[in-house]
Amino acid sequence: MTNAPYRFSARAGDMDREQIHAWLSLEAYWAKGRTRALQDAAIDASTNFGMFDSASGRQVAYARVVTDSVTFAWLCDVFVDPKVRGHGVGVALMENVCALLDDLHLKRVLLSTGDAHGLYEKFGFKPLAQPEKWMARTAAIPET
C-alpha cells in the first residue's frame, strides 16, 4: 500500500525493541515490570509483528506469536501506542497477523485479554467453548 499512514512488518529486524519494552513494562497490565532481558528473550523466541508510521518509520504497534507453526499458536503482547489508538492501527495489525496465521492452517490460536474482546471478536476469537477442559500451570519464576 503506497502513501498509507501505517505499514505492517513481520521482519524481526524492524522491531524497535526499546520501544516495545517501554510499552509493555510500563503500560501493559500483563507485563508491567518485565525486564528488558526477559522481553528480548521473548522476542527472540517468537514471531513478531509491528505497525509503523509510514512517514517517520516509528513503530506504533506490536504483537508476537508463540507457535509450532503446525497445530497451535498463542497470540500475545498485543499493544497499540495510545497516541494512535482509534485510528485503525489495531485492526490493521490484527488483519495482517491473522492473515499470516491463516496461511498456516493451525487448528487453534489462543489469546488472553482483559479488555479488547471487541477487537478480537472481529477476527473470529470467541470465549473457550469448554473452558473446564483447559488448565494452566503457572509458576513463580523470578524475572531476570
C-alpha atoms as a PDB file:
ATOM      1  CA  MET A   1       0.000   0.000   0.000  1.00  0.00           C
ATOM      2  CA  THR A   2       1.579   3.290  -1.004  1.00  0.00           C
ATOM      3  CA  ASN A   3       1.022   6.548   0.849  1.00  0.00           C
ATOM      4  CA  ALA A   4      -0.803   4.684   3.620  1.00  0.00           C
ATOM      5  CA  PRO A   5      -0.262   6.267   7.021  1.00  0.00           C
ATOM      6  CA  TYR A   6       0.896   2.945   8.514  1.00  0.00           C
ATOM      7  CA  ARG A   7       2.731  -0.104   7.236  1.00  0.00           C
ATOM      8  CA  PHE A   8       2.865  -3.638   8.576  1.00  0.00           C
ATOM      9  CA  SER A   9       6.022  -5.673   9.060  1.00  0.00           C
ATOM     10  CA  ALA A  10       6.749  -9.214  10.175  1.00  0.00           C
ATOM     11  CA  ARG A  11      10.518  -8.722   9.889  1.00  0.00           C
ATOM     12  CA  ALA A  12      12.225  -9.304  13.221  1.00  0.00           C
ATOM     13  CA  GLY A  13      14.877  -6.691  12.419  1.00  0.00           C
ATOM     14  CA  ASP A  14      12.235  -3.980  12.042  1.00  0.00           C
ATOM     15  CA  MET A  15      11.023  -4.289  15.639  1.00  0.00           C
ATOM     16  CA  ASP A  16      12.015  -1.430  17.952  1.00  0.00           C
ATOM     17  CA  ARG A  17      12.964  -3.494  20.987  1.00  0.00           C
ATOM     18  CA  GLU A  18      13.469  -0.473  23.213  1.00  0.00           C
ATOM     19  CA  GLN A  19      10.019   0.900  22.404  1.00  0.00           C
ATOM     20  CA  ILE A  20       8.367  -2.499  22.783  1.00  0.00           C
ATOM     21  CA  HIS A  21       9.965  -2.972  26.187  1.00  0.00           C
ATOM     22  CA  ALA A  22       8.906   0.505  27.311  1.00  0.00           C
ATOM     23  CA  TRP A  23       5.301  -0.083  26.248  1.00  0.00           C
ATOM     24  CA  LEU A  24       4.976  -3.487  27.830  1.00  0.00           C
ATOM     25  CA  SER A  25       6.969  -2.991  31.018  1.00  0.00           C
ATOM     26  CA  LEU A  26       5.455   0.415  31.830  1.00  0.00           C
ATOM     27  CA  GLU A  27       1.942   0.396  30.320  1.00  0.00           C
ATOM     28  CA  ALA A  28       0.682  -3.149  29.707  1.00  0.00           C
ATOM     29  CA  TYR A  29      -1.197  -4.577  32.694  1.00  0.00           C
ATOM     30  CA  TRP A  30       0.007  -8.099  31.877  1.00  0.00           C
ATOM     31  CA  ALA A  31       3.712  -7.242  31.572  1.00  0.00           C
ATOM     32  CA  LYS A  32       4.381  -4.370  33.975  1.00  0.00           C
ATOM     33  CA  GLY A  33       7.876  -4.624  35.351  1.00  0.00           C
ATOM     34  CA  ARG A  34       9.050  -7.133  32.734  1.00  0.00           C
ATOM     35  CA  THR A  35      12.803  -6.774  32.365  1.00  0.00           C
ATOM     36  CA  ARG A  36      14.455  -5.868  29.098  1.00  0.00           C
ATOM     37  CA  ALA A  37      16.407  -9.150  29.134  1.00  0.00           C
ATOM     38  CA  LEU A  38      13.208 -11.146  29.522  1.00  0.00           C
ATOM     39  CA  GLN A  39      11.464  -9.136  26.794  1.00  0.00           C
ATOM     40  CA  ASP A  40      14.372  -9.597  24.391  1.00  0.00           C
ATOM     41  CA  ALA A  41      14.341 -13.353  25.065  1.00  0.00           C
ATOM     42  CA  ALA A  42      10.591 -13.448  24.378  1.00  0.00           C
ATOM     43  CA  ILE A  43      11.075 -11.540  21.124  1.00  0.00           C
ATOM     44  CA  ASP A  44      13.883 -13.888  20.065  1.00  0.00           C
ATOM     45  CA  ALA A  45      11.732 -16.973  20.731  1.00  0.00           C
ATOM     46  CA  SER A  46       8.638 -15.648  18.923  1.00  0.00           C
ATOM     47  CA  THR A  47       7.319 -14.445  15.607  1.00  0.00           C
ATOM     48  CA  ASN A  48       6.985 -10.665  15.870  1.00  0.00           C
ATOM     49  CA  PHE A  49       4.749  -8.176  14.110  1.00  0.00           C
ATOM     50  CA  GLY A  50       4.606  -4.418  14.042  1.00  0.00           C
ATOM     51  CA  MET A  51       2.811  -1.460  12.592  1.00  0.00           C
ATOM     52  CA  PHE A  52       4.930   1.541  11.667  1.00  0.00           C
ATOM     53  CA  ASP A  53       4.211   5.161  10.853  1.00  0.00           C
ATOM     54  CA  SER A  54       4.962   5.374   7.125  1.00  0.00           C
ATOM     55  CA  ALA A  55       6.272   8.935   7.316  1.00  0.00           C
ATOM     56  CA  SER A  56       8.572   8.685  10.339  1.00  0.00           C
ATOM     57  CA  GLY A  57       9.223   4.935  10.453  1.00  0.00           C
ATOM     58  CA  ARG A  58       8.337   4.941  14.155  1.00  0.00           C
ATOM     59  CA  GLN A  59       6.794   1.739  15.484  1.00  0.00           C
ATOM     60  CA  VAL A  60       3.226   2.336  16.665  1.00  0.00           C
ATOM     61  CA  ALA A  61       2.009  -1.186  17.499  1.00  0.00           C
ATOM     62  CA  TYR A  62       3.342  -4.627  18.318  1.00  0.00           C
ATOM     63  CA  ALA A  63       2.208  -8.230  18.633  1.00  0.00           C
ATOM     64  CA  ARG A  64       4.013 -11.506  18.978  1.00  0.00           C
ATOM     65  CA  VAL A  65       3.029 -15.096  18.386  1.00  0.00           C
ATOM     66  CA  VAL A  66       4.422 -18.217  20.002  1.00  0.00           C
ATOM     67  CA  THR A  67       3.756 -21.169  17.719  1.00  0.00           C
ATOM     68  CA  ASP A  68       4.904 -24.518  16.425  1.00  0.00           C
ATOM     69  CA  SER A  69       3.629 -23.305  13.012  1.00  0.00           C
ATOM     70  CA  VAL A  70       1.758 -26.577  12.563  1.00  0.00           C
ATOM     71  CA  THR A  71      -1.045 -27.014  15.096  1.00  0.00           C
ATOM     72  CA  PHE A  72      -1.083 -24.241  17.677  1.00  0.00           C
ATOM     73  CA  ALA A  73      -0.328 -20.564  18.284  1.00  0.00           C
ATOM     74  CA  TRP A  74      -0.557 -18.171  21.206  1.00  0.00           C
ATOM     75  CA  LEU A  75      -1.103 -14.519  20.309  1.00  0.00           C
ATOM     76  CA  CYS A  76       0.330 -12.271  23.000  1.00  0.00           C
ATOM     77  CA  ASP A  77       1.786  -8.887  23.891  1.00  0.00           C
ATOM     78  CA  VAL A  78      -0.551  -7.030  21.533  1.00  0.00           C
ATOM     79  CA  PHE A  79      -0.055  -3.326  22.168  1.00  0.00           C
ATOM     80  CA  VAL A  80      -1.035  -0.185  20.267  1.00  0.00           C
ATOM     81  CA  ASP A  81       0.606   3.112  21.151  1.00  0.00           C
ATOM     82  CA  PRO A  82      -2.024   5.209  22.974  1.00  0.00           C
ATOM     83  CA  LYS A  83      -1.210   8.120  20.615  1.00  0.00           C
ATOM     84  CA  VAL A  84      -2.633   6.222  17.622  1.00  0.00           C
ATOM     85  CA  ARG A  85      -5.478   4.264  19.202  1.00  0.00           C
ATOM     86  CA  GLY A  86      -8.763   4.827  17.429  1.00  0.00           C
ATOM     87  CA  HIS A  87      -7.054   5.229  14.042  1.00  0.00           C
ATOM     88  CA  GLY A  88      -7.445   1.637  12.846  1.00  0.00           C
ATOM     89  CA  VAL A  89      -3.922   0.585  13.766  1.00  0.00           C
ATOM     90  CA  GLY A  90      -5.022  -2.315  15.984  1.00  0.00           C
ATOM     91  CA  VAL A  91      -7.431  -3.549  13.325  1.00  0.00           C
ATOM     92  CA  ALA A  92      -4.733  -3.355  10.635  1.00  0.00           C
ATOM     93  CA  LEU A  93      -2.274  -5.185  12.890  1.00  0.00           C
ATOM     94  CA  MET A  94      -4.779  -7.962  13.580  1.00  0.00           C
ATOM     95  CA  GLU A  95      -5.779  -8.243   9.892  1.00  0.00           C
ATOM     96  CA  ASN A  96      -2.166  -8.827   8.926  1.00  0.00           C
ATOM     97  CA  VAL A  97      -1.318 -11.148  11.822  1.00  0.00           C
ATOM     98  CA  CYS A  98      -4.445 -13.248  11.261  1.00  0.00           C
ATOM     99  CA  ALA A  99      -3.786 -13.474   7.513  1.00  0.00           C
ATOM    100  CA  LEU A 100      -0.334 -14.898   8.188  1.00  0.00           C
ATOM    101  CA  LEU A 101      -1.677 -17.291  10.818  1.00  0.00           C
ATOM    102  CA  ASP A 102      -4.482 -18.376   8.469  1.00  0.00           C
ATOM    103  CA  ASP A 103      -1.849 -19.395   5.923  1.00  0.00           C
ATOM    104  CA  LEU A 104      -0.502 -21.903   8.481  1.00  0.00           C
ATOM    105  CA  HIS A 105      -3.888 -23.688   8.779  1.00  0.00           C
ATOM    106  CA  LEU A 106      -3.484 -24.037  12.537  1.00  0.00           C
ATOM    107  CA  LYS A 107      -6.088 -25.958  14.499  1.00  0.00           C
ATOM    108  CA  ARG A 108      -6.097 -23.438  17.343  1.00  0.00           C
ATOM    109  CA  VAL A 109      -4.932 -19.888  18.048  1.00  0.00           C
ATOM    110  CA  LEU A 110      -5.394 -18.691  21.608  1.00  0.00           C
ATOM    111  CA  LEU A 111      -5.032 -15.396  23.393  1.00  0.00           C
ATOM    112  CA  SER A 112      -5.814 -13.947  26.772  1.00  0.00           C
ATOM    113  CA  THR A 113      -7.189 -10.435  27.139  1.00  0.00           C
ATOM    114  CA  GLY A 114      -8.658  -8.361  29.886  1.00  0.00           C
ATOM    115  CA  ASP A 115     -10.062  -5.578  27.764  1.00  0.00           C
ATOM    116  CA  ALA A 116     -10.023  -5.862  23.967  1.00  0.00           C
ATOM    117  CA  HIS A 117     -12.659  -8.529  23.415  1.00  0.00           C
ATOM    118  CA  GLY A 118     -14.482  -6.493  20.754  1.00  0.00           C
ATOM    119  CA  LEU A 119     -11.359  -6.172  18.617  1.00  0.00           C
ATOM    120  CA  TYR A 120     -10.526  -9.864  18.755  1.00  0.00           C
ATOM    121  CA  GLU A 121     -14.115 -10.955  18.119  1.00  0.00           C
ATOM    122  CA  LYS A 122     -13.888  -9.206  14.723  1.00  0.00           C
ATOM    123  CA  PHE A 123     -11.230 -11.770  13.827  1.00  0.00           C
ATOM    124  CA  GLY A 124     -13.077 -14.872  14.976  1.00  0.00           C
ATOM    125  CA  PHE A 125     -11.855 -15.156  18.552  1.00  0.00           C
ATOM    126  CA  LYS A 126     -14.510 -16.411  20.987  1.00  0.00           C
ATOM    127  CA  PRO A 127     -14.568 -17.444  24.628  1.00  0.00           C
ATOM    128  CA  LEU A 128     -13.460 -21.041  25.067  1.00  0.00           C
ATOM    129  CA  ALA A 129     -16.315 -23.421  24.270  1.00  0.00           C
ATOM    130  CA  GLN A 130     -15.286 -25.804  27.039  1.00  0.00           C
ATOM    131  CA  PRO A 131     -13.151 -23.858  29.495  1.00  0.00           C
ATOM    132  CA  GLU A 132     -13.491 -26.676  32.005  1.00  0.00           C
ATOM    133  CA  LYS A 133     -11.199 -28.753  29.778  1.00  0.00           C
ATOM    134  CA  TRP A 134      -8.423 -26.161  29.846  1.00  0.00           C
ATOM    135  CA  MET A 135      -5.864 -25.985  32.583  1.00  0.00           C
ATOM    136  CA  ALA A 136      -2.908 -23.768  33.243  1.00  0.00           C
ATOM    137  CA  ARG A 137       0.294 -24.292  35.115  1.00  0.00           C
ATOM    138  CA  THR A 138       1.771 -21.111  36.498  1.00  0.00           C
ATOM    139  CA  ALA A 139       4.988 -20.871  38.387  1.00  0.00           C
ATOM    140  CA  ALA A 140       6.646 -18.188  40.403  1.00  0.00           C
ATOM    141  CA  ILE A 141       9.679 -17.824  38.169  1.00  0.00           C
ATOM    142  CA  PRO A 142      11.892 -14.871  39.057  1.00  0.00           C
ATOM    143  CA  GLU A 143      12.331 -12.466  36.178  1.00  0.00           C
ATOM    144  CA  THR A 144      15.903 -11.640  35.246  1.00  0.00           C
END
